[in-house]
Amino acid sequence: TDLTDSNLNTYLNNLKTSTGCDRVVIIYEACHAGSFINPVSKDNRIVLTATDIAHGSSVNPSWDWATFSEGFWGSIVQCR
């Protein structure tokens, strides 16, 4: 099934209830991923998305990952 902002918000609320985890970082890569920002935002949640609400994500055929993931995780690995 498709992930909806409502489903994700429910999962995150259940995570907090079952584990007591109060701080969460959400990294979401999909077309129009920015549409998830407001619905899942709460105190102690950091939401990073590959795109805003109006744009699709992109894939570079020469990379193994989508453009956002390649740049983001590549920088993390290289400590940049």
PDB file of N, CA and C in Angstrom:
ATOM      1  N   THR A   1       0.830  -1.187   0.000  1.00  0.00           N
ATOM      2  CA  THR A   1       0.000   0.000   0.000  1.00  0.00           C
ATOM      3  C   THR A   1       0.870   1.245   0.000  1.00  0.00           C
ATOM      4  N   ASP A   2       0.298   2.332  -0.412  1.00  0.00           N
ATOM      5  CA  ASP A   2       1.007   3.610  -0.424  1.00  0.00           C
ATOM      6  C   ASP A   2       1.100   4.177   0.987  1.00  0.00           C
ATOM      7  N   LEU A   3       2.198   4.835   1.257  1.00  0.00           N
ATOM      8  CA  LEU A   3       2.367   5.518   2.541  1.00  0.00           C
ATOM      9  C   LEU A   3       1.684   6.873   2.457  1.00  0.00           C
ATOM     10  N   THR A   4       0.798   7.142   3.388  1.00  0.00           N
ATOM     11  CA  THR A   4       0.154   8.451   3.455  1.00  0.00           C
ATOM     12  C   THR A   4       0.708   9.212   4.647  1.00  0.00           C
ATOM     13  N   ASP A   5       0.514  10.523   4.646  1.00  0.00           N
ATOM     14  CA  ASP A   5       0.975  11.307   5.789  1.00  0.00           C
ATOM     15  C   ASP A   5       0.261  10.882   7.066  1.00  0.00           C
ATOM     16  N   SER A   6      -0.991  10.500   6.947  1.00  0.00           N
ATOM     17  CA  SER A   6      -1.756  10.037   8.107  1.00  0.00           C
ATOM     18  C   SER A   6      -1.188   8.728   8.657  1.00  0.00           C
ATOM     19  N   ASN A   7      -0.849   7.787   7.746  1.00  0.00           N
ATOM     20  CA  ASN A   7      -0.233   6.524   8.174  1.00  0.00           C
ATOM     21  C   ASN A   7       1.090   6.772   8.885  1.00  0.00           C
ATOM     22  N   LEU A   8       1.928   7.613   8.297  1.00  0.00           N
ATOM     23  CA  LEU A   8       3.231   7.897   8.897  1.00  0.00           C
ATOM     24  C   LEU A   8       3.069   8.545  10.257  1.00  0.00           C
ATOM     25  N   ASN A   9       2.150   9.474  10.373  1.00  0.00           N
ATOM     26  CA  ASN A   9       1.912  10.132  11.651  1.00  0.00           C
ATOM     27  C   ASN A   9       1.464   9.118  12.702  1.00  0.00           C
ATOM     28  N   THR A  10       0.601   8.191  12.316  1.00  0.00           N
ATOM     29  CA  THR A  10       0.155   7.132  13.234  1.00  0.00           C
ATOM     30  C   THR A  10       1.329   6.262  13.659  1.00  0.00           C
ATOM     31  N   TYR A  11       2.176   5.855  12.706  1.00  0.00           N
ATOM     32  CA  TYR A  11       3.350   5.042  13.036  1.00  0.00           C
ATOM     33  C   TYR A  11       4.265   5.768  14.018  1.00  0.00           C
ATOM     34  N   LEU A  12       4.493   7.059  13.764  1.00  0.00           N
ATOM     35  CA  LEU A  12       5.375   7.833  14.639  1.00  0.00           C
ATOM     36  C   LEU A  12       4.774   8.012  16.032  1.00  0.00           C
ATOM     37  N   ASN A  13       3.481   8.243  16.106  1.00  0.00           N
ATOM     38  CA  ASN A  13       2.817   8.338  17.416  1.00  0.00           C
ATOM     39  C   ASN A  13       2.890   7.015  18.162  1.00  0.00           C
ATOM     40  N   ASN A  14       2.686   5.900  17.448  1.00  0.00           N
ATOM     41  CA  ASN A  14       2.791   4.573  18.069  1.00  0.00           C
ATOM     42  C   ASN A  14       4.213   4.291  18.534  1.00  0.00           C
ATOM     43  N   LEU A  15       5.203   4.718  17.758  1.00  0.00           N
ATOM     44  CA  LEU A  15       6.603   4.556  18.153  1.00  0.00           C
ATOM     45  C   LEU A  15       6.866   5.266  19.468  1.00  0.00           C
ATOM     46  N   LYS A  16       6.393   6.490  19.572  1.00  0.00           N
ATOM     47  CA  LYS A  16       6.591   7.257  20.801  1.00  0.00           C
ATOM     48  C   LYS A  16       5.895   6.584  21.981  1.00  0.00           C
ATOM     49  N   THR A  17       4.671   6.121  21.772  1.00  0.00           N
ATOM     50  CA  THR A  17       3.908   5.473  22.839  1.00  0.00           C
ATOM     51  C   THR A  17       4.564   4.174  23.291  1.00  0.00           C
ATOM     52  N   SER A  18       5.025   3.368  22.341  1.00  0.00           N
ATOM     53  CA  SER A  18       5.561   2.051  22.692  1.00  0.00           C
ATOM     54  C   SER A  18       6.998   2.080  23.188  1.00  0.00           C
ATOM     55  N   THR A  19       7.780   3.094  22.797  1.00  0.00           N
ATOM     56  CA  THR A  19       9.198   3.113  23.173  1.00  0.00           C
ATOM     57  C   THR A  19       9.579   4.271  24.081  1.00  0.00           C
ATOM     58  N   GLY A  20       8.748   5.289  24.116  1.00  0.00           N
ATOM     59  CA  GLY A  20       9.098   6.486  24.870  1.00  0.00           C
ATOM     60  C   GLY A  20      10.056   7.391  24.122  1.00  0.00           C
ATOM     61  N   CYS A  21      10.407   7.002  22.897  1.00  0.00           N
ATOM     62  CA  CYS A  21      11.312   7.803  22.074  1.00  0.00           C
ATOM     63  C   CYS A  21      10.639   9.129  21.747  1.00  0.00           C
ATOM     64  N   ASP A  22      11.253  10.213  22.170  1.00  0.00           N
ATOM     65  CA  ASP A  22      10.637  11.523  22.009  1.00  0.00           C
ATOM     66  C   ASP A  22      11.238  12.327  20.863  1.00  0.00           C
ATOM     67  N   ARG A  23      12.432  11.970  20.423  1.00  0.00           N
ATOM     68  CA  ARG A  23      13.093  12.701  19.340  1.00  0.00           C
ATOM     69  C   ARG A  23      13.218  11.793  18.125  1.00  0.00           C
ATOM     70  N   VAL A  24      12.742  12.290  16.998  1.00  0.00           N
ATOM     71  CA  VAL A  24      12.729  11.492  15.777  1.00  0.00           C
ATOM     72  C   VAL A  24      13.183  12.362  14.611  1.00  0.00           C
ATOM     73  N   VAL A  25      14.011  11.780  13.757  1.00  0.00           N
ATOM     74  CA  VAL A  25      14.400  12.426  12.513  1.00  0.00           C
ATOM     75  C   VAL A  25      13.802  11.607  11.374  1.00  0.00           C
ATOM     76  N   ILE A  26      13.010  12.265  10.537  1.00  0.00           N
ATOM     77  CA  ILE A  26      12.371  11.609   9.402  1.00  0.00           C
ATOM     78  C   ILE A  26      13.051  12.115   8.143  1.00  0.00           C
ATOM     79  N   ILE A  27      13.579  11.200   7.337  1.00  0.00           N
ATOM     80  CA  ILE A  27      14.182  11.545   6.058  1.00  0.00           C
ATOM     81  C   ILE A  27      13.349  10.835   5.002  1.00  0.00           C
ATOM     82  N   TYR A  28      12.684  11.621   4.163  1.00  0.00           N
ATOM     83  CA  TYR A  28      11.713  11.058   3.230  1.00  0.00           C
ATOM     84  C   TYR A  28      12.030  11.494   1.811  1.00  0.00           C
ATOM     85  N   GLU A  29      12.248  10.517   0.951  1.00  0.00           N
ATOM     86  CA  GLU A  29      12.533  10.805  -0.451  1.00  0.00           C
ATOM     87  C   GLU A  29      11.428  10.213  -1.311  1.00  0.00           C
ATOM     88  N   ALA A  30      10.692  11.084  -1.939  1.00  0.00           N
ATOM     89  CA  ALA A  30       9.632  10.702  -2.868  1.00  0.00           C
ATOM     90  C   ALA A  30       9.215  11.954  -3.622  1.00  0.00           C
ATOM     91  N   CYS A  31       8.534  11.754  -4.718  1.00  0.00           N
ATOM     92  CA  CYS A  31       7.959  12.904  -5.408  1.00  0.00           C
ATOM     93  C   CYS A  31       6.983  13.610  -4.476  1.00  0.00           C
ATOM     94  N   HIS A  32       7.043  14.914  -4.457  1.00  0.00           N
ATOM     95  CA  HIS A  32       6.134  15.741  -3.649  1.00  0.00           C
ATOM     96  C   HIS A  32       6.237  15.433  -2.155  1.00  0.00           C
ATOM     97  N   ALA A  33       7.405  14.985  -1.714  1.00  0.00           N
ATOM     98  CA  ALA A  33       7.608  14.599  -0.307  1.00  0.00           C
ATOM     99  C   ALA A  33       7.322  15.736   0.659  1.00  0.00           C
ATOM    100  N   GLY A  34       7.472  16.954   0.212  1.00  0.00           N
ATOM    101  CA  GLY A  34       7.210  18.100   1.075  1.00  0.00           C
ATOM    102  C   GLY A  34       5.786  18.170   1.586  1.00  0.00           C
ATOM    103  N   SER A  35       4.883  17.451   0.934  1.00  0.00           N
ATOM    104  CA  SER A  35       3.491  17.435   1.397  1.00  0.00           C
ATOM    105  C   SER A  35       3.354  16.756   2.753  1.00  0.00           C
ATOM    106  N   PHE A  36       4.386  16.040   3.186  1.00  0.00           N
ATOM    107  CA  PHE A  36       4.355  15.353   4.482  1.00  0.00           C
ATOM    108  C   PHE A  36       4.818  16.247   5.628  1.00  0.00           C
ATOM    109  N   ILE A  37       5.477  17.359   5.325  1.00  0.00           N
ATOM    110  CA  ILE A  37       6.107  18.158   6.378  1.00  0.00           C
ATOM    111  C   ILE A  37       5.109  18.628   7.430  1.00  0.00           C
ATOM    112  N   ASN A  38       4.102  19.353   7.049  1.00  0.00           N
ATOM    113  CA  ASN A  38       3.144  19.869   8.038  1.00  0.00           C
ATOM    114  C   ASN A  38       2.359  18.772   8.753  1.00  0.00           C
ATOM    115  N   PRO A  39       1.838  17.763   8.048  1.00  0.00           N
ATOM    116  CA  PRO A  39       1.050  16.746   8.745  1.00  0.00           C
ATOM    117  C   PRO A  39       1.819  15.938   9.794  1.00  0.00           C
ATOM    118  N   VAL A  40       3.122  15.713   9.595  1.00  0.00           N
ATOM    119  CA  VAL A  40       3.866  14.887  10.558  1.00  0.00           C
ATOM    120  C   VAL A  40       4.732  15.711  11.510  1.00  0.00           C
ATOM    121  N   SER A  41       4.767  17.018  11.337  1.00  0.00           N
ATOM    122  CA  SER A  41       5.587  17.865  12.208  1.00  0.00           C
ATOM    123  C   SER A  41       4.999  17.965  13.609  1.00  0.00           C
ATOM    124  N   LYS A  42       5.856  17.788  14.588  1.00  0.00           N
ATOM    125  CA  LYS A  42       5.512  17.956  16.001  1.00  0.00           C
ATOM    126  C   LYS A  42       6.780  18.372  16.725  1.00  0.00           C
ATOM    127  N   ASP A  43       6.650  18.754  17.983  1.00  0.00           N
ATOM    128  CA  ASP A  43       7.834  19.042  18.782  1.00  0.00           C
ATOM    129  C   ASP A  43       8.745  17.824  18.782  1.00  0.00           C
ATOM    130  N   ASN A  44      10.039  18.051  18.685  1.00  0.00           N
ATOM    131  CA  ASN A  44      11.068  17.013  18.724  1.00  0.00           C
ATOM    132  C   ASN A  44      11.061  16.087  17.513  1.00  0.00           C
ATOM    133  N   ARG A  45      10.440  16.503  16.416  1.00  0.00           N
ATOM    134  CA  ARG A  45      10.520  15.774  15.153  1.00  0.00           C
ATOM    135  C   ARG A  45      11.203  16.674  14.140  1.00  0.00           C
ATOM    136  N   ILE A  46      12.232  16.147  13.522  1.00  0.00           N
ATOM    137  CA  ILE A  46      12.905  16.851  12.439  1.00  0.00           C
ATOM    138  C   ILE A  46      12.501  16.151  11.153  1.00  0.00           C
ATOM    139  N   VAL A  47      11.967  16.903  10.211  1.00  0.00           N
ATOM    140  CA  VAL A  47      11.485  16.326   8.957  1.00  0.00           C
ATOM    141  C   VAL A  47      12.314  16.877   7.802  1.00  0.00           C
ATOM    142  N   LEU A  48      13.034  15.983   7.112  1.00  0.00           N
ATOM    143  CA  LEU A  48      13.821  16.340   5.928  1.00  0.00           C
ATOM    144  C   LEU A  48      13.174  15.661   4.731  1.00  0.00           C
ATOM    145  N   THR A  49      12.919  16.411   3.675  1.00  0.00           N
ATOM    146  CA  THR A  49      12.333  15.816   2.482  1.00  0.00           C
ATOM    147  C   THR A  49      13.173  16.144   1.257  1.00  0.00           C
ATOM    148  N   ALA A  50      13.117  15.263   0.281  1.00  0.00           N
ATOM    149  CA  ALA A  50      13.893  15.435  -0.942  1.00  0.00           C
ATOM    150  C   ALA A  50      13.340  16.530  -1.836  1.00  0.00           C
ATOM    151  N   THR A  51      12.057  16.803  -1.714  1.00  0.00           N
ATOM    152  CA  THR A  51      11.409  17.780  -2.581  1.00  0.00           C
ATOM    153  C   THR A  51      10.408  18.598  -1.784  1.00  0.00           C
ATOM    154  N   ASP A  52       9.918  19.636  -2.414  1.00  0.00           N
ATOM    155  CA  ASP A  52       8.816  20.370  -1.804  1.00  0.00           C
ATOM    156  C   ASP A  52       7.498  19.749  -2.271  1.00  0.00           C
ATOM    157  N   ILE A  53       6.406  20.371  -1.930  1.00  0.00           N
ATOM    158  CA  ILE A  53       5.093  19.819  -2.250  1.00  0.00           C
ATOM    159  C   ILE A  53       4.813  19.817  -3.759  1.00  0.00           C
ATOM    160  N   ALA A  54       5.457  20.695  -4.508  1.00  0.00           N
ATOM    161  CA  ALA A  54       5.122  20.887  -5.920  1.00  0.00           C
ATOM    162  C   ALA A  54       6.016  20.141  -6.910  1.00  0.00           C
ATOM    163  N   HIS A  55       7.084  19.503  -6.438  1.00  0.00           N
ATOM    164  CA  HIS A  55       8.047  18.922  -7.375  1.00  0.00           C
ATOM    165  C   HIS A  55       8.261  17.423  -7.167  1.00  0.00           C
ATOM    166  N   GLY A  56       8.608  16.764  -8.258  1.00  0.00           N
ATOM    167  CA  GLY A  56       8.961  15.358  -8.202  1.00  0.00           C
ATOM    168  C   GLY A  56      10.427  15.189  -7.861  1.00  0.00           C
ATOM    169  N   SER A  57      10.794  13.996  -7.448  1.00  0.00           N
ATOM    170  CA  SER A  57      12.204  13.705  -7.187  1.00  0.00           C
ATOM    171  C   SER A  57      12.828  13.195  -8.484  1.00  0.00           C
ATOM    172  N   SER A  58      14.139  13.090  -8.505  1.00  0.00           N
ATOM    173  CA  SER A  58      14.808  12.661  -9.729  1.00  0.00           C
ATOM    174  C   SER A  58      15.818  11.562  -9.437  1.00  0.00           C
ATOM    175  N   VAL A  59      16.099  10.803 -10.481  1.00  0.00           N
ATOM    176  CA  VAL A  59      17.068   9.712 -10.393  1.00  0.00           C
ATOM    177  C   VAL A  59      18.122   9.952 -11.465  1.00  0.00           C
ATOM    178  N   ASN A  60      19.381   9.842 -11.077  1.00  0.00           N
ATOM    179  CA  ASN A  60      20.477   9.928 -12.027  1.00  0.00           C
ATOM    180  C   ASN A  60      20.829   8.498 -12.422  1.00  0.00           C
ATOM    181  N   PRO A  61      20.668   8.122 -13.680  1.00  0.00           N
ATOM    182  CA  PRO A  61      20.909   6.736 -14.093  1.00  0.00           C
ATOM    183  C   PRO A  61      22.317   6.220 -13.794  1.00  0.00           C
ATOM    184  N   SER A  62      23.295   7.113 -13.646  1.00  0.00           N
ATOM    185  CA  SER A  62      24.662   6.660 -13.380  1.00  0.00           C
ATOM    186  C   SER A  62      24.920   6.395 -11.897  1.00  0.00           C
ATOM    187  N   TRP A  63      23.956   6.748 -11.028  1.00  0.00           N
ATOM    188  CA  TRP A  63      24.100   6.506  -9.598  1.00  0.00           C
ATOM    189  C   TRP A  63      23.209   5.355  -9.176  1.00  0.00           C
ATOM    190  N   ASP A  64      23.528   4.756  -8.056  1.00  0.00           N
ATOM    191  CA  ASP A  64      22.708   3.671  -7.529  1.00  0.00           C
ATOM    192  C   ASP A  64      21.448   4.183  -6.849  1.00  0.00           C
ATOM    193  N   TRP A  65      21.463   5.416  -6.383  1.00  0.00           N
ATOM    194  CA  TRP A  65      20.344   5.973  -5.628  1.00  0.00           C
ATOM    195  C   TRP A  65      19.763   7.159  -6.357  1.00  0.00           C
ATOM    196  N   ALA A  66      18.648   7.630  -5.847  1.00  0.00           N
ATOM    197  CA  ALA A  66      18.066   8.860  -6.375  1.00  0.00           C
ATOM    198  C   ALA A  66      18.988  10.034  -6.037  1.00  0.00           C
ATOM    199  N   THR A  67      18.815  11.118  -6.740  1.00  0.00           N
ATOM    200  CA  THR A  67      19.707  12.268  -6.622  1.00  0.00           C
ATOM    201  C   THR A  67      19.839  12.780  -5.193  1.00  0.00           C
ATOM    202  N   PHE A  68      18.732  12.938  -4.483  1.00  0.00           N
ATOM    203  CA  PHE A  68      18.774  13.424  -3.103  1.00  0.00           C
ATOM    204  C   PHE A  68      19.567  12.468  -2.221  1.00  0.00           C
ATOM    205  N   SER A  69      19.254  11.186  -2.277  1.00  0.00           N
ATOM    206  CA  SER A  69      19.936  10.205  -1.425  1.00  0.00           C
ATOM    207  C   SER A  69      21.423  10.153  -1.709  1.00  0.00           C
ATOM    208  N   GLU A  70      21.783  10.185  -2.978  1.00  0.00           N
ATOM    209  CA  GLU A  70      23.201  10.123  -3.331  1.00  0.00           C
ATOM    210  C   GLU A  70      23.960  11.292  -2.717  1.00  0.00           C
ATOM    211  N   GLY A  71      23.442  12.488  -2.879  1.00  0.00           N
ATOM    212  CA  GLY A  71      24.105  13.666  -2.320  1.00  0.00           C
ATOM    213  C   GLY A  71      24.069  13.702  -0.806  1.00  0.00           C
ATOM    214  N   PHE A  72      22.914  13.412  -0.231  1.00  0.00           N
ATOM    215  CA  PHE A  72      22.744  13.481   1.224  1.00  0.00           C
ATOM    216  C   PHE A  72      23.602  12.440   1.932  1.00  0.00           C
ATOM    217  N   TRP A  73      23.416  11.167   1.585  1.00  0.00           N
ATOM    218  CA  TRP A  73      24.145  10.103   2.280  1.00  0.00           C
ATOM    219  C   TRP A  73      25.626  10.101   1.913  1.00  0.00           C
ATOM    220  N   GLY A  74      25.954  10.503   0.680  1.00  0.00           N
ATOM    221  CA  GLY A  74      27.363  10.630   0.309  1.00  0.00           C
ATOM    222  C   GLY A  74      28.080  11.653   1.174  1.00  0.00           C
ATOM    223  N   SER A  75      27.412  12.763   1.463  1.00  0.00           N
ATOM    224  CA  SER A  75      27.995  13.782   2.341  1.00  0.00           C
ATOM    225  C   SER A  75      28.114  13.291   3.774  1.00  0.00           C
ATOM    226  N   ILE A  76      27.129  12.545   4.242  1.00  0.00           N
ATOM    227  CA  ILE A  76      27.186  11.979   5.601  1.00  0.00           C
ATOM    228  C   ILE A  76      28.384  11.040   5.721  1.00  0.00           C
ATOM    229  N   VAL A  77      28.539  10.154   4.742  1.00  0.00           N
ATOM    230  CA  VAL A  77      29.644   9.186   4.766  1.00  0.00           C
ATOM    231  C   VAL A  77      30.993   9.902   4.751  1.00  0.00           C
ATOM    232  N   GLN A  78      31.083  10.998   4.013  1.00  0.00           N
ATOM    233  CA  GLN A  78      32.336  11.740   3.908  1.00  0.00           C
ATOM    234  C   GLN A  78      32.489  12.792   5.006  1.00  0.00           C
ATOM    235  N   CYS A  79      31.590  12.786   5.971  1.00  0.00           N
ATOM    236  CA  CYS A  79      31.629  13.727   7.104  1.00  0.00           C
ATOM    237  C   CYS A  79      31.629  15.181   6.646  1.00  0.00           C
ATOM    238  N   ARG A  80      30.787  15.489   5.677  1.00  0.00           N
ATOM    239  CA  ARG A  80      30.694  16.875   5.196  1.00  0.00           C
ATOM    240  C   ARG A  80      29.441  17.492   5.684  1.00  0.00           C
TER     241      ARG A  80
END
